[in-house]
Every structure is written in C-alpha cells, then in structure tokens.
C-alpha atoms as a PDB file:
ATOM      1  CA  MET A   1       1.127 -23.005 -92.806  1.00  0.00           C
ATOM      2  CA  LEU A   2       2.979 -20.174 -91.513  1.00  0.00           C
ATOM      3  CA  LEU A   3       1.253 -17.134 -89.903  1.00  0.00           C
ATOM      4  CA  ILE A   4       3.306 -14.263 -88.746  1.00  0.00           C
ATOM      5  CA  GLU A   5       1.130 -11.925 -86.668  1.00  0.00           C
ATOM      6  CA  GLU A   6       1.968  -9.360 -83.925  1.00  0.00           C
ATOM      7  CA  ARG A   7      -1.730  -9.616 -82.302  1.00  0.00           C
ATOM      8  CA  LEU A   8      -2.064 -12.717 -80.013  1.00  0.00           C
ATOM      9  CA  THR A   9      -5.776 -12.477 -80.364  1.00  0.00           C
ATOM     10  CA  ILE A  10      -5.567 -13.126 -83.965  1.00  0.00           C
ATOM     11  CA  ALA A  11      -2.956 -15.934 -83.482  1.00  0.00           C
ATOM     12  CA  ARG A  12      -5.176 -17.627 -81.106  1.00  0.00           C
ATOM     13  CA  MET A  13      -7.818 -18.450 -83.699  1.00  0.00           C
ATOM     14  CA  PHE A  14      -5.229 -20.948 -85.345  1.00  0.00           C
ATOM     15  CA  ASP A  15      -4.348 -22.802 -81.926  1.00  0.00           C
ATOM     16  CA  ALA A  16      -1.040 -24.283 -83.225  1.00  0.00           C
ATOM     17  CA  ARG A  17       2.591 -23.957 -82.282  1.00  0.00           C
ATOM     18  CA  VAL A  18       3.488 -20.426 -81.238  1.00  0.00           C
ATOM     19  CA  VAL A  19       7.001 -18.910 -81.590  1.00  0.00           C
ATOM     20  CA  VAL A  20       7.666 -15.495 -79.824  1.00  0.00           C
ATOM     21  CA  MET A  21      10.377 -13.241 -80.826  1.00  0.00           C
ATOM     22  CA  GLY A  22      11.749 -10.372 -78.805  1.00  0.00           C
ATOM     23  CA  HIS A  23      14.820  -8.347 -79.327  1.00  0.00           C
ATOM     24  CA  GLY A  24      15.833 -10.380 -82.204  1.00  0.00           C
ATOM     25  CA  ALA A  25      15.869 -13.658 -80.422  1.00  0.00           C
ATOM     26  CA  ILE A  26      13.253 -16.646 -80.069  1.00  0.00           C
ATOM     27  CA  ARG A  27      11.934 -16.084 -76.680  1.00  0.00           C
ATOM     28  CA  PHE A  28       9.394 -18.965 -76.662  1.00  0.00           C
ATOM     29  CA  ASP A  29       8.409 -22.040 -78.933  1.00  0.00           C
ATOM     30  CA  GLY A  30       5.559 -23.967 -77.728  1.00  0.00           C
ATOM     31  CA  SER A  31       1.723 -24.520 -77.424  1.00  0.00           C
ATOM     32  CA  LEU A  32      -0.606 -21.730 -76.678  1.00  0.00           C
ATOM     33  CA  ALA A  33      -1.453 -23.486 -73.280  1.00  0.00           C
ATOM     34  CA  VAL A  34       2.077 -23.382 -72.220  1.00  0.00           C
ATOM     35  CA  LEU A  35       2.573 -19.595 -73.427  1.00  0.00           C
ATOM     36  CA  ASP A  36      -0.436 -18.662 -71.349  1.00  0.00           C
ATOM     37  CA  GLY A  37       1.391 -19.929 -68.237  1.00  0.00           C
ATOM     38  CA  SER A  38       4.483 -18.241 -68.986  1.00  0.00           C
ATOM     39  CA  GLU A  39       5.126 -15.182 -66.869  1.00  0.00           C
ATOM     40  CA  ALA A  40       8.574 -14.603 -68.177  1.00  0.00           C
ATOM     41  CA  VAL A  41       7.363 -14.351 -71.771  1.00  0.00           C
ATOM     42  CA  LYS A  42       4.548 -12.166 -70.766  1.00  0.00           C
ATOM     43  CA  ARG A  43       6.954  -9.802 -69.148  1.00  0.00           C
ATOM     44  CA  GLU A  44       8.889  -9.713 -72.339  1.00  0.00           C
END
C-alpha cells in the first residue's frame, strides 16, 4: 500500500516505512522511530 500524505499525524496511523521529500529530493527513507530522532529532517 502506498499513502501520500502531507500531515505526519495521519501518516503515523499506519506506522510503516516513511519517505520524506523536500525541495524535489528524498530527504529521509526509514521508520517513524528513526524519523522522530532525526533533527536534520525536522529542520527541513
């Protein structure tokens, strides 16, 4: 299943692999747990 969602609160309901895009490029690809600990992605 593929879900494209701008709001992380909705994406969290699925708790799966997350891909974050910013400025036309993939900035993060991994789990929500790792994303929560990534300050670099949060600043993006």
